[in-house]
Amino acid sequence: LIDSHTNRNKLVPACVTPVSANMEVMTHTLNAITARRMAV
């Protein structure tokens, strides 16, 4: 999840996180891919 105001992005599980208005999501950033690899 991209927070353009604070630059404090965070990782969330897509399967349980509901979409909200004006949300900004990046699905394949380095952080997201690294987290997935580490989980596996």
PDB file of all heavy atoms in Angstrom:
ATOM      1  N   LEU A   1       0.851  -1.189   0.000  1.00  0.00           N
ATOM      2  CA  LEU A   1       0.000   0.000   0.000  1.00  0.00           C
ATOM      3  C   LEU A   1       0.882   1.232   0.000  1.00  0.00           C
ATOM      4  O   LEU A   1       1.795   1.364   0.832  1.00  0.00           O
ATOM      5  CB  LEU A   1      -0.911   0.010   1.234  1.00  0.00           C
ATOM      6  CG  LEU A   1      -1.983  -1.084   1.330  1.00  0.00           C
ATOM      7  CD1 LEU A   1      -2.912  -0.788   2.506  1.00  0.00           C
ATOM      8  CD2 LEU A   1      -2.796  -1.173   0.047  1.00  0.00           C
ATOM      9  N   ILE A   2       0.604   2.135  -0.912  1.00  0.00           N
ATOM     10  CA  ILE A   2       1.434   3.328  -1.085  1.00  0.00           C
ATOM     11  C   ILE A   2       0.797   4.500  -0.336  1.00  0.00           C
ATOM     12  O   ILE A   2      -0.385   4.816  -0.542  1.00  0.00           O
ATOM     13  CB  ILE A   2       1.584   3.695  -2.572  1.00  0.00           C
ATOM     14  CG1 ILE A   2       2.073   2.475  -3.374  1.00  0.00           C
ATOM     15  CG2 ILE A   2       2.511   4.883  -2.741  1.00  0.00           C
ATOM     16  CD1 ILE A   2       3.410   1.930  -2.928  1.00  0.00           C
ATOM     17  N   ASP A   3       1.582   5.101   0.528  1.00  0.00           N
ATOM     18  CA  ASP A   3       1.131   6.310   1.234  1.00  0.00           C
ATOM     19  C   ASP A   3       1.987   7.469   0.740  1.00  0.00           C
ATOM     20  O   ASP A   3       3.112   7.685   1.209  1.00  0.00           O
ATOM     21  CB  ASP A   3       1.268   6.129   2.745  1.00  0.00           C
ATOM     22  CG  ASP A   3       0.613   7.267   3.525  1.00  0.00           C
ATOM     23  OD1 ASP A   3       0.510   8.377   2.964  1.00  0.00           O
ATOM     24  OD2 ASP A   3       0.211   7.044   4.672  1.00  0.00           O
ATOM     25  N   SER A   4       1.478   8.201  -0.232  1.00  0.00           N
ATOM     26  CA  SER A   4       2.266   9.261  -0.865  1.00  0.00           C
ATOM     27  C   SER A   4       2.460  10.467   0.050  1.00  0.00           C
ATOM     28  O   SER A   4       3.331  11.307  -0.199  1.00  0.00           O
ATOM     29  CB  SER A   4       1.591   9.710  -2.173  1.00  0.00           C
ATOM     30  OG  SER A   4       0.255  10.134  -1.921  1.00  0.00           O
ATOM     31  N   HIS A   5       1.654  10.577   1.106  1.00  0.00           N
ATOM     32  CA  HIS A   5       1.759  11.718   2.012  1.00  0.00           C
ATOM     33  C   HIS A   5       2.897  11.543   3.018  1.00  0.00           C
ATOM     34  O   HIS A   5       3.645  12.489   3.301  1.00  0.00           O
ATOM     35  CB  HIS A   5       0.444  11.922   2.754  1.00  0.00           C
ATOM     36  CG  HIS A   5      -0.713  12.209   1.846  1.00  0.00           C
ATOM     37  ND1 HIS A   5      -0.806  13.366   1.099  1.00  0.00           N
ATOM     38  CD2 HIS A   5      -1.817  11.477   1.544  1.00  0.00           C
ATOM     39  CE1 HIS A   5      -1.910  13.352   0.384  1.00  0.00           C
ATOM     40  NE2 HIS A   5      -2.554  12.210   0.630  1.00  0.00           N
ATOM     41  N   THR A   6       3.042  10.338   3.560  1.00  0.00           N
ATOM     42  CA  THR A   6       4.048  10.124   4.605  1.00  0.00           C
ATOM     43  C   THR A   6       5.226   9.293   4.118  1.00  0.00           C
ATOM     44  O   THR A   6       6.232   9.182   4.822  1.00  0.00           O
ATOM     45  CB  THR A   6       3.413   9.408   5.804  1.00  0.00           C
ATOM     46  OG1 THR A   6       2.987   8.102   5.394  1.00  0.00           O
ATOM     47  CG2 THR A   6       2.223  10.192   6.337  1.00  0.00           C
ATOM     48  N   ASN A   7       5.066   8.704   2.916  1.00  0.00           N
ATOM     49  CA  ASN A   7       6.090   7.790   2.396  1.00  0.00           C
ATOM     50  C   ASN A   7       6.306   6.585   3.310  1.00  0.00           C
ATOM     51  O   ASN A   7       7.359   5.957   3.295  1.00  0.00           O
ATOM     52  CB  ASN A   7       7.432   8.521   2.170  1.00  0.00           C
ATOM     53  CG  ASN A   7       7.344   9.483   1.004  1.00  0.00           C
ATOM     54  OD1 ASN A   7       6.694   9.184  -0.001  1.00  0.00           O
ATOM     55  ND2 ASN A   7       7.991  10.635   1.137  1.00  0.00           N
ATOM     56  N   ARG A   8       5.289   6.282   4.112  1.00  0.00           N
ATOM     57  CA  ARG A   8       5.360   5.099   4.986  1.00  0.00           C
ATOM     58  C   ARG A   8       4.475   4.007   4.384  1.00  0.00           C
ATOM     59  O   ARG A   8       3.367   3.749   4.826  1.00  0.00           O
ATOM     60  CB  ARG A   8       4.911   5.441   6.397  1.00  0.00           C
ATOM     61  CG  ARG A   8       5.849   6.408   7.110  1.00  0.00           C
ATOM     62  CD  ARG A   8       5.329   6.756   8.490  1.00  0.00           C
ATOM     63  NE  ARG A   8       6.215   7.688   9.181  1.00  0.00           N
ATOM     64  CZ  ARG A   8       5.947   8.219  10.367  1.00  0.00           C
ATOM     65  NH1 ARG A   8       4.817   7.919  10.996  1.00  0.00           N
ATOM     66  NH2 ARG A   8       6.809   9.056  10.934  1.00  0.00           N
ATOM     67  N   ASN A   9       4.993   3.380   3.391  1.00  0.00           N
ATOM     68  CA  ASN A   9       4.245   2.300   2.745  1.00  0.00           C
ATOM     69  C   ASN A   9       4.180   1.087   3.669  1.00  0.00           C
ATOM     70  O   ASN A   9       5.016   0.918   4.562  1.00  0.00           O
ATOM     71  CB  ASN A   9       4.915   1.915   1.432  1.00  0.00           C
ATOM     72  CG  ASN A   9       4.974   3.072   0.467  1.00  0.00           C
ATOM     73  OD1 ASN A   9       4.279   4.079   0.640  1.00  0.00           O
ATOM     74  ND2 ASN A   9       5.813   2.943  -0.553  1.00  0.00           N
ATOM     75  N   LYS A  10       3.208   0.219   3.428  1.00  0.00           N
ATOM     76  CA  LYS A  10       3.114  -0.984   4.257  1.00  0.00           C
ATOM     77  C   LYS A  10       2.668  -2.169   3.410  1.00  0.00           C
ATOM     78  O   LYS A  10       1.966  -2.026   2.400  1.00  0.00           O
ATOM     79  CB  LYS A  10       2.171  -0.784   5.427  1.00  0.00           C
ATOM     80  CG  LYS A  10       0.720  -0.526   5.067  1.00  0.00           C
ATOM     81  CD  LYS A  10      -0.112  -0.371   6.331  1.00  0.00           C
ATOM     82  CE  LYS A  10      -1.580  -0.105   5.999  1.00  0.00           C
ATOM     83  NZ  LYS A  10      -2.408   0.028   7.232  1.00  0.00           N
ATOM     84  N   LEU A  11       3.073  -3.352   3.853  1.00  0.00           N
ATOM     85  CA  LEU A  11       2.695  -4.599   3.194  1.00  0.00           C
ATOM     86  C   LEU A  11       1.443  -5.164   3.844  1.00  0.00           C
ATOM     87  O   LEU A  11       1.339  -5.197   5.078  1.00  0.00           O
ATOM     88  CB  LEU A  11       3.833  -5.621   3.285  1.00  0.00           C
ATOM     89  CG  LEU A  11       5.121  -5.257   2.539  1.00  0.00           C
ATOM     90  CD1 LEU A  11       6.240  -6.212   2.915  1.00  0.00           C
ATOM     91  CD2 LEU A  11       4.885  -5.287   1.030  1.00  0.00           C
ATOM     92  N   VAL A  12       0.498  -5.623   3.017  1.00  0.00           N
ATOM     93  CA  VAL A  12      -0.740  -6.212   3.532  1.00  0.00           C
ATOM     94  C   VAL A  12      -1.070  -7.456   2.709  1.00  0.00           C
ATOM     95  O   VAL A  12      -0.708  -7.550   1.531  1.00  0.00           O
ATOM     96  CB  VAL A  12      -1.924  -5.224   3.465  1.00  0.00           C
ATOM     97  CG1 VAL A  12      -1.672  -4.011   4.344  1.00  0.00           C
ATOM     98  CG2 VAL A  12      -2.213  -4.811   2.028  1.00  0.00           C
ATOM     99  N   PRO A  13      -1.769  -8.432   3.301  1.00  0.00           N
ATOM    100  CA  PRO A  13      -2.212  -9.604   2.528  1.00  0.00           C
ATOM    101  C   PRO A  13      -3.407  -9.243   1.650  1.00  0.00           C
ATOM    102  O   PRO A  13      -4.432  -8.763   2.142  1.00  0.00           O
ATOM    103  CB  PRO A  13      -2.582 -10.623   3.613  1.00  0.00           C
ATOM    104  CG  PRO A  13      -2.922  -9.801   4.813  1.00  0.00           C
ATOM    105  CD  PRO A  13      -2.065  -8.565   4.749  1.00  0.00           C
ATOM    106  N   ALA A  14      -3.289  -9.470   0.371  1.00  0.00           N
ATOM    107  CA  ALA A  14      -4.330  -9.063  -0.567  1.00  0.00           C
ATOM    108  C   ALA A  14      -5.620  -9.841  -0.383  1.00  0.00           C
ATOM    109  O   ALA A  14      -6.700  -9.349  -0.716  1.00  0.00           O
ATOM    110  CB  ALA A  14      -3.828  -9.245  -2.005  1.00  0.00           C
ATOM    111  N   CYS A  15      -5.543 -11.071   0.161  1.00  0.00           N
ATOM    112  CA  CYS A  15      -6.730 -11.917   0.213  1.00  0.00           C
ATOM    113  C   CYS A  15      -7.734 -11.463   1.267  1.00  0.00           C
ATOM    114  O   CYS A  15      -8.916 -11.823   1.184  1.00  0.00           O
ATOM    115  CB  CYS A  15      -6.341 -13.372   0.462  1.00  0.00           C
ATOM    116  SG  CYS A  15      -5.649 -13.697   2.095  1.00  0.00           S
ATOM    117  N   VAL A  16      -7.304 -10.686   2.257  1.00  0.00           N
ATOM    118  CA  VAL A  16      -8.231 -10.268   3.320  1.00  0.00           C
ATOM    119  C   VAL A  16      -8.326  -8.758   3.458  1.00  0.00           C
ATOM    120  O   VAL A  16      -9.098  -8.259   4.278  1.00  0.00           O
ATOM    121  CB  VAL A  16      -7.842 -10.875   4.683  1.00  0.00           C
ATOM    122  CG1 VAL A  16      -8.002 -12.379   4.681  1.00  0.00           C
ATOM    123  CG2 VAL A  16      -6.427 -10.472   5.081  1.00  0.00           C
ATOM    124  N   THR A  17      -7.587  -8.006   2.688  1.00  0.00           N
ATOM    125  CA  THR A  17      -7.600  -6.553   2.806  1.00  0.00           C
ATOM    126  C   THR A  17      -8.613  -5.968   1.827  1.00  0.00           C
ATOM    127  O   THR A  17      -8.466  -6.096   0.614  1.00  0.00           O
ATOM    128  CB  THR A  17      -6.213  -5.957   2.510  1.00  0.00           C
ATOM    129  OG1 THR A  17      -5.249  -6.552   3.380  1.00  0.00           O
ATOM    130  CG2 THR A  17      -6.230  -4.451   2.714  1.00  0.00           C
ATOM    131  N   PRO A  18      -9.674  -5.327   2.337  1.00  0.00           N
ATOM    132  CA  PRO A  18     -10.685  -4.773   1.432  1.00  0.00           C
ATOM    133  C   PRO A  18     -10.171  -3.514   0.742  1.00  0.00           C
ATOM    134  O   PRO A  18      -9.381  -2.751   1.297  1.00  0.00           O
ATOM    135  CB  PRO A  18     -11.859  -4.462   2.358  1.00  0.00           C
ATOM    136  CG  PRO A  18     -11.247  -4.272   3.709  1.00  0.00           C
ATOM    137  CD  PRO A  18     -10.045  -5.168   3.765  1.00  0.00           C
ATOM    138  N   VAL A  19     -10.646  -3.338  -0.472  1.00  0.00           N
ATOM    139  CA  VAL A  19     -10.327  -2.116  -1.207  1.00  0.00           C
ATOM    140  C   VAL A  19     -11.091  -0.955  -0.577  1.00  0.00           C
ATOM    141  O   VAL A  19     -12.251  -1.089  -0.197  1.00  0.00           O
ATOM    142  CB  VAL A  19     -10.732  -2.256  -2.687  1.00  0.00           C
ATOM    143  CG1 VAL A  19     -10.569  -0.929  -3.419  1.00  0.00           C
ATOM    144  CG2 VAL A  19      -9.911  -3.342  -3.356  1.00  0.00           C
ATOM    145  N   SER A  20     -10.432   0.195  -0.456  1.00  0.00           N
ATOM    146  CA  SER A  20     -11.106   1.403   0.029  1.00  0.00           C
ATOM    147  C   SER A  20     -10.923   2.531  -0.990  1.00  0.00           C
ATOM    148  O   SER A  20     -10.015   2.483  -1.835  1.00  0.00           O
ATOM    149  CB  SER A  20     -10.546   1.831   1.394  1.00  0.00           C
ATOM    150  OG  SER A  20      -9.162   2.112   1.297  1.00  0.00           O
ATOM    151  N   ALA A  21     -11.782   3.498  -0.904  1.00  0.00           N
ATOM    152  CA  ALA A  21     -11.741   4.602  -1.860  1.00  0.00           C
ATOM    153  C   ALA A  21     -10.397   5.315  -1.805  1.00  0.00           C
ATOM    154  O   ALA A  21      -9.856   5.568  -0.719  1.00  0.00           O
ATOM    155  CB  ALA A  21     -12.873   5.580  -1.564  1.00  0.00           C
ATOM    156  N   ASN A  22      -9.847   5.585  -2.975  1.00  0.00           N
ATOM    157  CA  ASN A  22      -8.591   6.327  -3.141  1.00  0.00           C
ATOM    158  C   ASN A  22      -7.368   5.554  -2.663  1.00  0.00           C
ATOM    159  O   ASN A  22      -6.276   6.118  -2.578  1.00  0.00           O
ATOM    160  CB  ASN A  22      -8.668   7.678  -2.424  1.00  0.00           C
ATOM    161  CG  ASN A  22      -9.809   8.526  -2.944  1.00  0.00           C
ATOM    162  OD1 ASN A  22     -10.026   8.618  -4.147  1.00  0.00           O
ATOM    163  ND2 ASN A  22     -10.564   9.139  -2.033  1.00  0.00           N
ATOM    164  N   MET A  23      -7.542   4.277  -2.350  1.00  0.00           N
ATOM    165  CA  MET A  23      -6.391   3.441  -1.989  1.00  0.00           C
ATOM    166  C   MET A  23      -5.451   3.326  -3.191  1.00  0.00           C
ATOM    167  O   MET A  23      -5.885   3.323  -4.339  1.00  0.00           O
ATOM    168  CB  MET A  23      -6.889   2.053  -1.570  1.00  0.00           C
ATOM    169  CG  MET A  23      -5.780   1.044  -1.286  1.00  0.00           C
ATOM    170  SD  MET A  23      -6.468  -0.607  -0.973  1.00  0.00           S
ATOM    171  CE  MET A  23      -6.998  -0.444   0.722  1.00  0.00           C
ATOM    172  N   GLU A  24      -4.150   3.256  -2.916  1.00  0.00           N
ATOM    173  CA  GLU A  24      -3.165   3.029  -3.971  1.00  0.00           C
ATOM    174  C   GLU A  24      -2.379   1.764  -3.648  1.00  0.00           C
ATOM    175  O   GLU A  24      -1.778   1.646  -2.574  1.00  0.00           O
ATOM    176  CB  GLU A  24      -2.215   4.224  -4.104  1.00  0.00           C
ATOM    177  CG  GLU A  24      -1.256   4.089  -5.282  1.00  0.00           C
ATOM    178  CD  GLU A  24      -0.411   5.330  -5.514  1.00  0.00           C
ATOM    179  OE1 GLU A  24      -0.688   6.370  -4.868  1.00  0.00           O
ATOM    180  OE2 GLU A  24       0.522   5.263  -6.344  1.00  0.00           O
ATOM    181  N   VAL A  25      -2.406   0.795  -4.585  1.00  0.00           N
ATOM    182  CA  VAL A  25      -1.795  -0.519  -4.370  1.00  0.00           C
ATOM    183  C   VAL A  25      -0.793  -0.793  -5.482  1.00  0.00           C
ATOM    184  O   VAL A  25      -1.066  -0.555  -6.656  1.00  0.00           O
ATOM    185  CB  VAL A  25      -2.876  -1.634  -4.382  1.00  0.00           C
ATOM    186  CG1 VAL A  25      -2.234  -2.997  -4.168  1.00  0.00           C
ATOM    187  CG2 VAL A  25      -3.951  -1.366  -3.356  1.00  0.00           C
ATOM    188  N   MET A  26       0.361  -1.319  -5.071  1.00  0.00           N
ATOM    189  CA  MET A  26       1.339  -1.830  -6.031  1.00  0.00           C
ATOM    190  C   MET A  26       1.516  -3.318  -5.733  1.00  0.00           C
ATOM    191  O   MET A  26       1.815  -3.705  -4.598  1.00  0.00           O
ATOM    192  CB  MET A  26       2.660  -1.087  -5.919  1.00  0.00           C
ATOM    193  CG  MET A  26       2.576   0.400  -6.262  1.00  0.00           C
ATOM    194  SD  MET A  26       2.111   0.723  -7.985  1.00  0.00           S
ATOM    195  CE  MET A  26       3.604   0.218  -8.829  1.00  0.00           C
ATOM    196  N   THR A  27       1.305  -4.155  -6.748  1.00  0.00           N
ATOM    197  CA  THR A  27       1.285  -5.602  -6.501  1.00  0.00           C
ATOM    198  C   THR A  27       2.645  -6.271  -6.672  1.00  0.00           C
ATOM    199  O   THR A  27       2.839  -7.388  -6.189  1.00  0.00           O
ATOM    200  CB  THR A  27       0.275  -6.283  -7.442  1.00  0.00           C
ATOM    201  OG1 THR A  27       0.703  -6.121  -8.801  1.00  0.00           O
ATOM    202  CG2 THR A  27      -1.119  -5.701  -7.263  1.00  0.00           C
ATOM    203  N   HIS A  28       3.585  -5.640  -7.372  1.00  0.00           N
ATOM    204  CA  HIS A  28       4.836  -6.340  -7.654  1.00  0.00           C
ATOM    205  C   HIS A  28       6.053  -5.447  -7.411  1.00  0.00           C
ATOM    206  O   HIS A  28       7.005  -5.414  -8.195  1.00  0.00           O
ATOM    207  CB  HIS A  28       4.835  -6.856  -9.101  1.00  0.00           C
ATOM    208  CG  HIS A  28       3.860  -7.954  -9.333  1.00  0.00           C
ATOM    209  ND1 HIS A  28       2.521  -7.719  -9.587  1.00  0.00           N
ATOM    210  CD2 HIS A  28       4.007  -9.300  -9.299  1.00  0.00           C
ATOM    211  CE1 HIS A  28       1.892  -8.878  -9.721  1.00  0.00           C
ATOM    212  NE2 HIS A  28       2.776  -9.845  -9.559  1.00  0.00           N
ATOM    213  N   THR A  29       6.032  -4.717  -6.300  1.00  0.00           N
ATOM    214  CA  THR A  29       7.216  -3.955  -5.898  1.00  0.00           C
ATOM    215  C   THR A  29       8.273  -4.917  -5.358  1.00  0.00           C
ATOM    216  O   THR A  29       7.991  -6.076  -5.048  1.00  0.00           O
ATOM    217  CB  THR A  29       6.868  -2.931  -4.817  1.00  0.00           C
ATOM    218  OG1 THR A  29       6.423  -3.632  -3.650  1.00  0.00           O
ATOM    219  CG2 THR A  29       5.784  -1.979  -5.283  1.00  0.00           C
ATOM    220  N   LEU A  30       9.481  -4.425  -5.211  1.00  0.00           N
ATOM    221  CA  LEU A  30      10.560  -5.250  -4.666  1.00  0.00           C
ATOM    222  C   LEU A  30      10.203  -5.719  -3.256  1.00  0.00           C
ATOM    223  O   LEU A  30      10.465  -6.879  -2.888  1.00  0.00           O
ATOM    224  CB  LEU A  30      11.863  -4.456  -4.651  1.00  0.00           C
ATOM    225  CG  LEU A  30      13.086  -5.192  -4.090  1.00  0.00           C
ATOM    226  CD1 LEU A  30      13.383  -6.447  -4.896  1.00  0.00           C
ATOM    227  CD2 LEU A  30      14.300  -4.267  -4.050  1.00  0.00           C
ATOM    228  N   ASN A  31       9.595  -4.838  -2.447  1.00  0.00           N
ATOM    229  CA  ASN A  31       9.203  -5.233  -1.092  1.00  0.00           C
ATOM    230  C   ASN A  31       8.187  -6.378  -1.106  1.00  0.00           C
ATOM    231  O   ASN A  31       8.287  -7.329  -0.325  1.00  0.00           O
ATOM    232  CB  ASN A  31       8.615  -4.032  -0.340  1.00  0.00           C
ATOM    233  CG  ASN A  31       9.666  -3.048   0.101  1.00  0.00           C
ATOM    234  OD1 ASN A  31      10.839  -3.390   0.201  1.00  0.00           O
ATOM    235  ND2 ASN A  31       9.260  -1.813   0.358  1.00  0.00           N
ATOM    236  N   ALA A  32       7.192  -6.274  -1.993  1.00  0.00           N
ATOM    237  CA  ALA A  32       6.161  -7.311  -2.058  1.00  0.00           C
ATOM    238  C   ALA A  32       6.739  -8.641  -2.526  1.00  0.00           C
ATOM    239  O   ALA A  32       6.457  -9.697  -1.939  1.00  0.00           O
ATOM    240  CB  ALA A  32       5.038  -6.866  -2.990  1.00  0.00           C
ATOM    241  N   ILE A  33       7.557  -8.600  -3.556  1.00  0.00           N
ATOM    242  CA  ILE A  33       8.145  -9.838  -4.093  1.00  0.00           C
ATOM    243  C   ILE A  33       9.075 -10.471  -3.064  1.00  0.00           C
ATOM    244  O   ILE A  33       9.079 -11.694  -2.864  1.00  0.00           O
ATOM    245  CB  ILE A  33       8.889  -9.551  -5.407  1.00  0.00           C
ATOM    246  CG1 ILE A  33       7.882  -9.161  -6.496  1.00  0.00           C
ATOM    247  CG2 ILE A  33       9.715 -10.752  -5.846  1.00  0.00           C
ATOM    248  CD1 ILE A  33       8.522  -8.692  -7.787  1.00  0.00           C
ATOM    249  N   THR A  34       9.854  -9.647  -2.372  1.00  0.00           N
ATOM    250  CA  THR A  34      10.758 -10.171  -1.346  1.00  0.00           C
ATOM    251  C   THR A  34       9.971 -10.823  -0.215  1.00  0.00           C
ATOM    252  O   THR A  34      10.346 -11.899   0.291  1.00  0.00           O
ATOM    253  CB  THR A  34      11.645  -9.044  -0.796  1.00  0.00           C
ATOM    254  OG1 THR A  34      12.397  -8.465  -1.869  1.00  0.00           O
ATOM    255  CG2 THR A  34      12.590  -9.567   0.265  1.00  0.00           C
ATOM    256  N   ALA A  35       8.880 -10.200   0.193  1.00  0.00           N
ATOM    257  CA  ALA A  35       8.053 -10.771   1.264  1.00  0.00           C
ATOM    258  C   ALA A  35       7.460 -12.111   0.846  1.00  0.00           C
ATOM    259  O   ALA A  35       7.401 -13.057   1.645  1.00  0.00           O
ATOM    260  CB  ALA A  35       6.940  -9.790   1.633  1.00  0.00           C
ATOM    261  N   ARG A  36       7.018 -12.203  -0.384  1.00  0.00           N
ATOM    262  CA  ARG A  36       6.449 -13.464  -0.868  1.00  0.00           C
ATOM    263  C   ARG A  36       7.508 -14.566  -0.884  1.00  0.00           C
ATOM    264  O   ARG A  36       7.263 -15.691  -0.441  1.00  0.00           O
ATOM    265  CB  ARG A  36       5.882 -13.279  -2.279  1.00  0.00           C
ATOM    266  CG  ARG A  36       4.678 -12.379  -2.351  1.00  0.00           C
ATOM    267  CD  ARG A  36       4.343 -12.054  -3.795  1.00  0.00           C
ATOM    268  NE  ARG A  36       3.373 -10.967  -3.885  1.00  0.00           N
ATOM    269  CZ  ARG A  36       3.066 -10.326  -4.998  1.00  0.00           C
ATOM    270  NH1 ARG A  36       3.673 -10.660  -6.135  1.00  0.00           N
ATOM    271  NH2 ARG A  36       2.169  -9.361  -4.994  1.00  0.00           N
ATOM    272  N   ARG A  37       8.668 -14.236  -1.401  1.00  0.00           N
ATOM    273  CA  ARG A  37       9.744 -15.225  -1.454  1.00  0.00           C
ATOM    274  C   ARG A  37      10.122 -15.684  -0.058  1.00  0.00           C
ATOM    275  O   ARG A  37      10.334 -16.881   0.185  1.00  0.00           O
ATOM    276  CB  ARG A  37      10.976 -14.635  -2.160  1.00  0.00           C
ATOM    277  CG  ARG A  37      10.818 -14.481  -3.662  1.00  0.00           C
ATOM    278  CD  ARG A  37      12.034 -13.779  -4.245  1.00  0.00           C
ATOM    279  NE  ARG A  37      13.268 -14.463  -3.908  1.00  0.00           N
ATOM    280  CZ  ARG A  37      13.812 -15.441  -4.618  1.00  0.00           C
ATOM    281  NH1 ARG A  37      13.240 -15.817  -5.750  1.00  0.00           N
ATOM    282  NH2 ARG A  37      14.941 -16.015  -4.248  1.00  0.00           N
ATOM    283  N   MET A  38      10.203 -14.755   0.868  1.00  0.00           N
ATOM    284  CA  MET A  38      10.579 -15.116   2.230  1.00  0.00           C
ATOM    285  C   MET A  38       9.517 -16.019   2.868  1.00  0.00           C
ATOM    286  O   MET A  38       9.851 -16.983   3.565  1.00  0.00           O
ATOM    287  CB  MET A  38      10.787 -13.861   3.080  1.00  0.00           C
ATOM    288  CG  MET A  38      11.274 -14.148   4.493  1.00  0.00           C
ATOM    289  SD  MET A  38      11.691 -12.649   5.413  1.00  0.00           S
ATOM    290  CE  MET A  38      13.114 -12.095   4.491  1.00  0.00           C
ATOM    291  N   ALA A  39       8.244 -15.715   2.604  1.00  0.00           N
ATOM    292  CA  ALA A  39       7.176 -16.544   3.164  1.00  0.00           C
ATOM    293  C   ALA A  39       7.290 -17.975   2.661  1.00  0.00           C
ATOM    294  O   ALA A  39       7.158 -18.938   3.432  1.00  0.00           O
ATOM    295  CB  ALA A  39       5.812 -15.961   2.803  1.00  0.00           C
ATOM    296  N   VAL A  40       7.546 -18.144   1.377  1.00  0.00           N
ATOM    297  CA  VAL A  40       7.662 -19.486   0.806  1.00  0.00           C
ATOM    298  C   VAL A  40       8.930 -20.174   1.305  1.00  0.00           C
ATOM    299  O   VAL A  40       8.917 -21.371   1.620  1.00  0.00           O
ATOM    300  CB  VAL A  40       7.624 -19.420  -0.729  1.00  0.00           C
ATOM    301  CG1 VAL A  40       7.918 -20.784  -1.340  1.00  0.00           C
ATOM    302  CG2 VAL A  40       6.272 -18.913  -1.198  1.00  0.00           C
TER     303      VAL A  40
END
